[in-house]
Amino acid sequence: MRNLKSKLYRQKNSVDKKILFLVLSFVAIGLIAVADASAPQALNNYGDKFFLFKQQLMWAGVGLIILFITSKIKYTFWEKFATPIFFLSLFSLIIVLFPNLGFSAQGARRWIYLGPVNFQPSEIVKFAICLYFAKLASRGKSAVSYFVPLVVVTALIMLQPDLGSTLIVTVIALSQIFVSGINLWYILAAGAAGFLAGIPLILFSPYRKERLLTFLQITQDPLGNSYHMRQILLGLGSGGIFGVGLGASRQKYSFLPEASTDSIFAVIAEELGLVGGLAIIVLFAYFIIRALKVAGNAPDTFAKTLAIGITAWIGGQAFLNIASMVALVPLTGIPLPFISYGGSSLVMILAACGILLNISKFGVTEAKHGTIKRQKR
């Protein structure tokens, strides 16, 4: 007879409640922020200051229902349908480029109208590529199997054009490729190729070139190219440590472009100050830590790679949005996850979070080392 120490593993019976709480908190914060930041715009354009809030509330309800459903479906279900979902998302990226099918706004063709509903195919692609690359990883595919679809997807998104979504899709894909075990040199080569390809796309596009020059010379042309960035910085500066008070933002009154979408963090920081802005950042950081823990405890390669993709999606998008608000990177025009106004983004992110919650339910966690009971000979 002898005593043995062994690692014991157990399967959870419920989802990660901390991630669920964070998701619900983000949705609640987003609804309050949209109701606040969108009021002047909604009143001017629709005669109802709560018009955009009501739409966001409807999409939040739809998204939470989908989150509940996806959290109940075992994650292995998505491996079976990853390929058709991916190719349907590619089809939607092609459709949006046709003048009679895609809707153009502010020089970009990023939306498809289906009766009273419109959606952004790029948001669906983020979800689809998480599933598809996780399936490739579970099947042990070669590097070519990853990079060919990545090039096709990014090329189609850039035709819209949408540099912000292209960057997020690239972050998702490279994160999943990295954890799938593909040779690191391939990943570095792909990153270098993407960087070199991005230089002419910026230099030969007046709009992107203008944004880059504005970022490098924020103080010049305050009423022209630098207007958006200067209004963001004015909002952040006037917020100070504790803010001007909830609902008291001045920048949201037609001074700050895209106050309820891309620039909503600036409104939050103006009203709640440095304290409120840091609180949002801390919540996102904690979400990423919890999501990475789910990925680390995932029971198989598909679940692990999928969880990493979802984490990179939400974390990368949050970082890029907030970094552009504080002038660390040029303005990218992507929404702040959970919080910015926009049904497509909110619904797809909540659907992905439902899958992440399901993975957390089936993940295994290491229990404390214990002594195995004595066995009879």
Protein backbone atom coordinates (compact mmCIF):
# COMPACT_ATOMS: atom_id res chain seq x y z
CA MET A 1 0.00 0.00 0.00
CA ARG A 2 1.25 3.46 -0.78
CA ASN A 3 0.14 7.10 -0.97
CA LEU A 4 0.20 8.77 -4.38
CA LYS A 5 -0.20 12.44 -5.22
CA SER A 6 -2.00 13.11 -8.45
CA LYS A 7 -3.62 15.97 -10.35
CA LEU A 8 -7.34 15.58 -10.09
CA TYR A 9 -9.62 17.17 -12.65
CA ARG A 10 -13.27 18.00 -12.42
CA GLN A 11 -15.84 19.28 -14.89
CA LYS A 12 -17.81 22.40 -14.01
CA ASN A 13 -21.57 22.21 -13.72
CA SER A 14 -22.23 25.84 -14.59
CA VAL A 15 -20.87 28.64 -16.73
CA ASP A 16 -18.24 31.10 -15.55
CA LYS A 17 -20.43 33.43 -13.51
CA LYS A 18 -17.82 36.18 -13.45
CA ILE A 19 -17.77 36.40 -17.25
CA LEU A 20 -21.56 36.35 -17.30
CA PHE A 21 -21.68 39.18 -14.75
CA LEU A 22 -19.15 41.19 -16.77
CA VAL A 23 -21.13 40.74 -19.99
CA LEU A 24 -24.39 41.81 -18.36
CA SER A 25 -22.61 44.78 -16.76
CA PHE A 26 -21.17 45.86 -20.11
CA VAL A 27 -24.61 45.66 -21.75
CA ALA A 28 -26.16 47.74 -18.96
CA ILE A 29 -23.36 50.33 -19.17
CA GLY A 30 -23.76 50.43 -22.94
CA LEU A 31 -27.50 51.07 -22.76
CA ILE A 32 -27.03 53.93 -20.30
CA ALA A 33 -24.19 55.39 -22.37
CA VAL A 34 -26.16 55.18 -25.64
CA ALA A 35 -29.26 56.73 -24.05
CA ASP A 36 -27.09 59.59 -22.84
CA ALA A 37 -24.73 60.16 -25.78
CA SER A 38 -27.28 59.69 -28.57
CA ALA A 39 -30.01 61.96 -27.18
CA PRO A 40 -29.05 65.20 -29.04
CA GLN A 41 -28.51 63.38 -32.35
CA ALA A 42 -31.73 61.37 -32.02
CA LEU A 43 -33.75 64.48 -31.15
CA ASN A 44 -32.39 66.40 -34.16
CA ASN A 45 -32.79 63.57 -36.66
CA TYR A 46 -35.87 61.70 -35.45
CA GLY A 47 -37.69 64.08 -33.08
CA ASP A 48 -37.32 61.57 -30.24
CA LYS A 49 -34.26 61.75 -27.99
CA PHE A 50 -34.67 58.09 -27.05
CA PHE A 51 -35.02 56.80 -30.63
CA LEU A 52 -31.52 55.32 -30.89
CA PHE A 53 -31.70 54.06 -27.32
CA LYS A 54 -34.90 52.16 -28.09
CA GLN A 55 -33.23 50.53 -31.07
CA GLN A 56 -30.19 49.60 -29.00
CA LEU A 57 -32.47 48.23 -26.27
CA MET A 58 -34.20 46.03 -28.84
CA TRP A 59 -30.88 44.71 -30.16
CA ALA A 60 -29.62 44.15 -26.62
CA GLY A 61 -32.73 42.05 -25.94
CA VAL A 62 -32.16 40.02 -29.11
CA GLY A 63 -28.48 39.64 -28.30
CA LEU A 64 -29.13 38.46 -24.75
CA ILE A 65 -31.62 35.87 -26.00
CA ILE A 66 -29.00 34.62 -28.47
CA LEU A 67 -26.39 34.61 -25.70
CA PHE A 68 -28.68 32.43 -23.58
CA ILE A 69 -29.24 30.05 -26.50
CA THR A 70 -25.57 29.75 -27.50
CA SER A 71 -24.55 29.24 -23.88
CA LYS A 72 -26.86 26.19 -23.78
CA ILE A 73 -25.61 24.66 -27.05
CA LYS A 74 -22.53 22.50 -26.57
CA TYR A 75 -19.59 24.17 -28.26
CA THR A 76 -18.88 21.09 -30.43
CA PHE A 77 -22.03 21.95 -32.40
CA TRP A 78 -20.24 24.92 -33.96
CA GLU A 79 -17.41 22.80 -35.30
CA LYS A 80 -19.88 21.00 -37.57
CA PHE A 81 -21.22 24.22 -39.06
CA ALA A 82 -18.06 26.36 -39.03
CA THR A 83 -17.36 25.91 -42.75
CA PRO A 84 -20.82 26.83 -44.11
CA ILE A 85 -21.03 29.80 -41.70
CA PHE A 86 -17.64 31.02 -42.92
CA PHE A 87 -18.55 30.79 -46.61
CA LEU A 88 -21.92 32.46 -46.02
CA SER A 89 -20.07 35.33 -44.35
CA LEU A 90 -17.78 35.56 -47.39
CA PHE A 91 -20.85 35.69 -49.62
CA SER A 92 -22.25 38.58 -47.55
CA LEU A 93 -18.94 40.45 -47.97
CA ILE A 94 -19.31 40.13 -51.73
CA ILE A 95 -22.98 41.13 -51.75
CA VAL A 96 -22.31 44.37 -49.86
CA LEU A 97 -20.10 45.58 -52.73
CA PHE A 98 -23.00 45.61 -55.22
CA PRO A 99 -24.66 49.07 -55.47
CA ASN A 100 -28.21 47.69 -55.48
CA LEU A 101 -27.64 45.43 -52.50
CA GLY A 102 -25.12 47.20 -50.28
CA PHE A 103 -25.76 50.51 -48.56
CA SER A 104 -23.18 53.29 -48.73
CA ALA A 105 -22.62 55.94 -46.06
CA GLN A 106 -19.75 58.40 -45.55
CA GLY A 107 -17.86 56.94 -48.49
CA ALA A 108 -17.97 53.36 -47.22
CA ARG A 109 -20.13 50.45 -48.38
CA ARG A 110 -20.47 48.33 -45.23
CA TRP A 111 -24.17 47.61 -44.71
CA ILE A 112 -26.80 45.34 -46.22
CA TYR A 113 -30.49 46.20 -45.90
CA LEU A 114 -33.04 43.42 -45.48
CA GLY A 115 -36.34 45.28 -45.24
CA PRO A 116 -36.38 47.26 -41.98
CA VAL A 117 -33.18 45.56 -40.75
CA ASN A 118 -29.64 46.43 -41.76
CA PHE A 119 -26.44 44.69 -40.72
CA GLN A 120 -22.69 44.81 -41.27
CA PRO A 121 -21.24 41.68 -42.89
CA SER A 122 -17.84 42.46 -41.35
CA GLU A 123 -19.29 41.81 -37.88
CA ILE A 124 -20.54 38.40 -38.99
CA VAL A 125 -17.13 37.62 -40.50
CA LYS A 126 -15.43 38.22 -37.13
CA PHE A 127 -17.71 35.57 -35.62
CA ALA A 128 -17.29 33.22 -38.59
CA ILE A 129 -13.50 33.38 -38.69
CA CYS A 130 -13.32 32.50 -34.98
CA LEU A 131 -15.28 29.31 -35.72
CA TYR A 132 -13.53 28.42 -38.98
CA PHE A 133 -9.96 28.86 -37.76
CA ALA A 134 -10.77 26.91 -34.59
CA LYS A 135 -11.97 24.06 -36.82
CA LEU A 136 -8.77 24.25 -38.89
CA ALA A 137 -6.73 24.05 -35.69
CA SER A 138 -8.67 21.02 -34.46
CA ARG A 139 -7.97 19.25 -37.77
CA GLY A 140 -4.26 20.12 -37.69
CA LYS A 141 -4.29 21.95 -41.02
CA SER A 142 -1.21 23.51 -42.62
CA ALA A 143 -0.33 27.21 -42.66
CA VAL A 144 -1.69 27.66 -46.19
CA SER A 145 -5.17 26.62 -45.00
CA TYR A 146 -5.17 29.62 -42.66
CA PHE A 147 -3.49 32.33 -44.71
CA VAL A 148 -5.40 31.89 -47.99
CA PRO A 149 -8.85 32.53 -46.43
CA LEU A 150 -7.37 35.32 -44.30
CA VAL A 151 -6.08 37.12 -47.40
CA VAL A 152 -9.44 36.72 -49.16
CA VAL A 153 -11.41 38.03 -46.16
CA THR A 154 -9.15 41.04 -45.52
CA ALA A 155 -9.14 41.94 -49.22
CA LEU A 156 -12.94 41.92 -49.36
CA ILE A 157 -13.22 44.04 -46.20
CA MET A 158 -10.68 46.55 -47.53
CA LEU A 159 -12.80 46.98 -50.66
CA GLN A 160 -15.63 48.41 -48.54
CA PRO A 161 -13.27 50.09 -47.33
CA ASP A 162 -12.95 49.27 -43.61
CA LEU A 163 -9.42 49.33 -42.23
CA GLY A 164 -10.57 48.99 -38.61
CA SER A 165 -12.43 45.72 -39.20
CA THR A 166 -9.52 44.46 -41.30
CA LEU A 167 -7.18 45.00 -38.35
CA ILE A 168 -9.52 43.20 -35.93
CA VAL A 169 -9.99 40.23 -38.26
CA THR A 170 -6.21 40.03 -38.62
CA VAL A 171 -5.72 40.13 -34.85
CA ILE A 172 -8.29 37.34 -34.39
CA ALA A 173 -6.75 35.19 -37.11
CA LEU A 174 -3.11 35.61 -36.06
CA SER A 175 -4.00 34.89 -32.42
CA GLN A 176 -5.69 31.64 -33.40
CA ILE A 177 -2.89 30.69 -35.80
CA PHE A 178 -0.35 31.27 -33.02
CA VAL A 179 -2.05 28.95 -30.53
CA SER A 180 -2.72 26.33 -33.22
CA GLY A 181 0.98 25.50 -33.35
CA ILE A 182 1.82 26.89 -36.79
CA ASN A 183 5.52 27.75 -37.20
CA LEU A 184 6.17 31.18 -35.72
CA TRP A 185 8.20 32.22 -38.77
CA TYR A 186 5.12 31.86 -40.96
CA ILE A 187 3.20 34.14 -38.61
CA LEU A 188 5.99 36.73 -38.56
CA ALA A 189 6.26 36.60 -42.34
CA ALA A 190 2.50 37.06 -42.69
CA GLY A 191 2.58 40.00 -40.29
CA ALA A 192 5.42 41.65 -42.21
CA ALA A 193 3.63 41.07 -45.53
CA GLY A 194 0.44 42.57 -44.12
CA PHE A 195 2.33 45.61 -42.86
CA LEU A 196 4.01 46.16 -46.22
CA ALA A 197 0.70 45.72 -48.04
CA GLY A 198 -0.93 48.25 -45.71
CA ILE A 199 1.54 51.03 -46.55
CA PRO A 200 0.33 51.61 -50.14
CA LEU A 201 -3.29 51.15 -49.02
CA ILE A 202 -2.78 54.09 -46.66
CA LEU A 203 -0.61 56.27 -48.87
CA PHE A 204 -2.78 55.94 -51.98
CA SER A 205 -6.07 56.42 -50.15
CA PRO A 206 -6.73 60.14 -49.46
CA TYR A 207 -9.05 59.31 -46.55
CA ARG A 208 -6.62 56.97 -44.76
CA LYS A 209 -3.64 59.18 -45.51
CA GLU A 210 -5.53 62.13 -44.06
CA ARG A 211 -6.23 60.21 -40.85
CA LEU A 212 -2.58 59.22 -40.48
CA LEU A 213 -1.34 62.80 -41.04
CA THR A 214 -3.98 64.07 -38.60
CA PHE A 215 -2.69 61.64 -35.97
CA LEU A 216 0.89 62.84 -36.52
CA GLN A 217 -0.10 66.54 -36.49
CA ILE A 218 -3.08 66.82 -34.15
CA THR A 219 -2.57 70.52 -33.45
CA GLN A 220 -2.83 71.56 -37.11
CA ASP A 221 -6.09 72.37 -38.90
CA PRO A 222 -8.32 72.33 -35.77
CA LEU A 223 -11.50 73.10 -37.75
CA GLY A 224 -10.69 70.66 -40.57
CA ASN A 225 -8.90 67.33 -40.55
CA SER A 226 -8.00 67.50 -36.85
CA TYR A 227 -11.49 68.48 -35.72
CA HIS A 228 -12.65 65.01 -34.62
CA MET A 229 -9.49 64.22 -32.65
CA ARG A 230 -9.42 67.64 -31.00
CA GLN A 231 -13.04 67.33 -29.89
CA ILE A 232 -12.25 63.95 -28.36
CA LEU A 233 -9.29 65.38 -26.45
CA LEU A 234 -11.37 68.36 -25.32
CA GLY A 235 -13.94 65.95 -23.91
CA LEU A 236 -11.31 63.90 -22.11
CA GLY A 237 -9.62 67.01 -20.76
CA SER A 238 -12.80 68.68 -19.53
CA GLY A 239 -13.74 65.49 -17.66
CA GLY A 240 -10.78 65.81 -15.32
CA ILE A 241 -10.54 63.28 -12.48
CA PHE A 242 -14.20 62.83 -11.58
CA GLY A 243 -16.00 64.15 -14.67
CA VAL A 244 -18.63 66.80 -15.27
CA GLY A 245 -21.46 64.52 -14.13
CA LEU A 246 -23.62 61.88 -15.77
CA GLY A 247 -25.66 63.43 -18.58
CA ALA A 248 -23.73 66.73 -18.46
CA SER A 249 -21.45 66.18 -21.46
CA ARG A 250 -21.10 69.21 -23.73
CA GLN A 251 -19.27 67.39 -26.51
CA LYS A 252 -22.25 65.17 -27.35
CA TYR A 253 -24.20 68.26 -28.52
CA SER A 254 -23.02 67.99 -32.13
CA PHE A 255 -19.43 68.93 -31.26
CA LEU A 256 -18.14 65.37 -31.12
CA PRO A 257 -18.66 63.32 -34.31
CA GLU A 258 -20.01 59.78 -33.82
CA ALA A 259 -20.72 60.47 -30.14
CA SER A 260 -22.86 57.35 -29.66
CA THR A 261 -20.77 54.97 -31.78
CA ASP A 262 -17.00 55.19 -32.30
CA SER A 263 -16.46 58.06 -29.83
CA ILE A 264 -18.71 56.93 -26.99
CA PHE A 265 -15.73 56.34 -24.68
CA ALA A 266 -14.91 60.05 -24.92
CA VAL A 267 -18.42 60.94 -23.70
CA ILE A 268 -18.11 58.46 -20.81
CA ALA A 269 -14.71 59.87 -19.83
CA GLU A 270 -16.01 63.44 -20.05
CA GLU A 271 -18.97 62.72 -17.78
CA LEU A 272 -17.31 60.28 -15.35
CA GLY A 273 -13.75 61.55 -15.63
CA LEU A 274 -10.52 59.62 -15.36
CA VAL A 275 -12.10 57.41 -12.71
CA GLY A 276 -14.93 56.34 -15.00
CA GLY A 277 -12.63 55.82 -17.98
CA LEU A 278 -10.24 53.68 -15.94
CA ALA A 279 -13.17 51.67 -14.58
CA ILE A 280 -14.17 50.73 -18.14
CA ILE A 281 -10.58 49.75 -18.96
CA VAL A 282 -10.29 47.64 -15.80
CA LEU A 283 -13.53 45.82 -16.62
CA PHE A 284 -12.27 44.97 -20.09
CA ALA A 285 -8.90 43.85 -18.68
CA TYR A 286 -10.63 41.57 -16.17
CA PHE A 287 -12.87 40.18 -18.92
CA ILE A 288 -9.78 39.31 -20.99
CA ILE A 289 -8.12 37.62 -17.99
CA ARG A 290 -11.22 35.51 -17.30
CA ALA A 291 -11.61 34.63 -20.99
CA LEU A 292 -7.95 33.58 -21.24
CA LYS A 293 -8.48 31.38 -18.20
CA VAL A 294 -11.40 29.73 -19.99
CA ALA A 295 -9.15 29.15 -23.01
CA GLY A 296 -6.42 27.70 -20.81
CA ASN A 297 -8.86 25.24 -19.23
CA ALA A 298 -10.56 24.32 -22.50
CA PRO A 299 -11.02 20.55 -22.95
CA ASP A 300 -9.78 20.32 -26.56
CA THR A 301 -8.05 22.19 -29.37
CA PHE A 302 -11.25 23.45 -31.01
CA ALA A 303 -12.54 24.95 -27.75
CA LYS A 304 -9.18 26.47 -26.85
CA THR A 305 -8.63 28.09 -30.25
CA LEU A 306 -12.21 29.34 -30.41
CA ALA A 307 -11.97 30.90 -26.95
CA ILE A 308 -8.69 32.59 -27.93
CA GLY A 309 -10.33 33.99 -31.08
CA ILE A 310 -13.27 35.43 -29.15
CA THR A 311 -10.92 36.93 -26.56
CA ALA A 312 -8.73 38.50 -29.26
CA TRP A 313 -11.84 39.87 -30.97
CA ILE A 314 -13.27 41.64 -27.94
CA GLY A 315 -9.95 42.56 -26.36
CA GLY A 316 -8.38 43.77 -29.60
CA GLN A 317 -11.41 45.84 -30.54
CA ALA A 318 -11.64 47.41 -27.09
CA PHE A 319 -7.94 48.26 -27.12
CA LEU A 320 -8.03 49.75 -30.61
CA ASN A 321 -11.11 51.87 -29.86
CA ILE A 322 -9.84 53.23 -26.54
CA ALA A 323 -6.29 53.72 -27.86
CA SER A 324 -7.64 55.83 -30.72
CA MET A 325 -9.66 57.91 -28.23
CA VAL A 326 -6.54 58.80 -26.25
CA ALA A 327 -4.46 59.45 -29.41
CA LEU A 328 -2.20 56.42 -29.05
CA VAL A 329 -3.17 55.24 -32.54
CA PRO A 330 -4.99 56.94 -35.45
CA LEU A 331 -8.79 56.93 -35.45
CA THR A 332 -9.98 53.57 -36.76
CA GLY A 333 -13.76 53.92 -36.77
CA ILE A 334 -14.52 50.70 -34.90
CA PRO A 335 -17.08 50.48 -32.08
CA LEU A 336 -16.33 49.85 -28.42
CA PRO A 337 -17.55 46.27 -27.72
CA PHE A 338 -20.87 46.00 -25.86
CA ILE A 339 -21.08 49.77 -25.37
CA SER A 340 -21.17 51.61 -28.71
CA TYR A 341 -24.46 51.99 -30.58
CA GLY A 342 -24.86 49.33 -33.25
CA GLY A 343 -27.00 46.21 -33.47
CA SER A 344 -24.72 44.05 -35.66
CA SER A 345 -21.73 44.42 -33.37
CA LEU A 346 -23.68 43.91 -30.15
CA VAL A 347 -25.61 40.83 -31.31
CA MET A 348 -22.58 39.04 -32.76
CA ILE A 349 -20.41 39.75 -29.71
CA LEU A 350 -23.14 38.47 -27.37
CA ALA A 351 -23.52 35.34 -29.51
CA ALA A 352 -19.76 34.76 -29.24
CA CYS A 353 -19.85 35.35 -25.47
CA GLY A 354 -22.57 32.71 -25.17
CA ILE A 355 -20.21 30.19 -26.80
CA LEU A 356 -17.41 31.30 -24.49
CA LEU A 357 -19.68 30.70 -21.50
CA ASN A 358 -20.50 27.23 -22.81
CA ILE A 359 -16.80 26.42 -23.17
CA SER A 360 -16.29 27.54 -19.57
CA LYS A 361 -18.96 25.05 -18.52
CA PHE A 362 -17.28 22.11 -20.19
CA GLY A 363 -13.74 23.16 -19.36
CA VAL A 364 -11.70 21.28 -16.83
CA THR A 365 -9.94 22.90 -13.93
CA GLU A 366 -7.11 21.53 -11.90
CA ALA A 367 -8.11 20.63 -8.39
CA LYS A 368 -5.80 20.78 -5.39
CA HIS A 369 -3.25 18.00 -5.05
CA GLY A 370 -4.66 15.36 -2.81
CA THR A 371 -3.76 11.97 -1.50
CA ILE A 372 -5.51 9.11 -3.23
CA LYS A 373 -7.26 6.77 -0.91
CA ARG A 374 -5.47 3.62 -0.12
CA GLN A 375 -6.33 0.84 -2.49
CA LYS A 376 -6.73 -2.77 -1.53
CA ARG A 377 -4.30 -5.13 -3.06
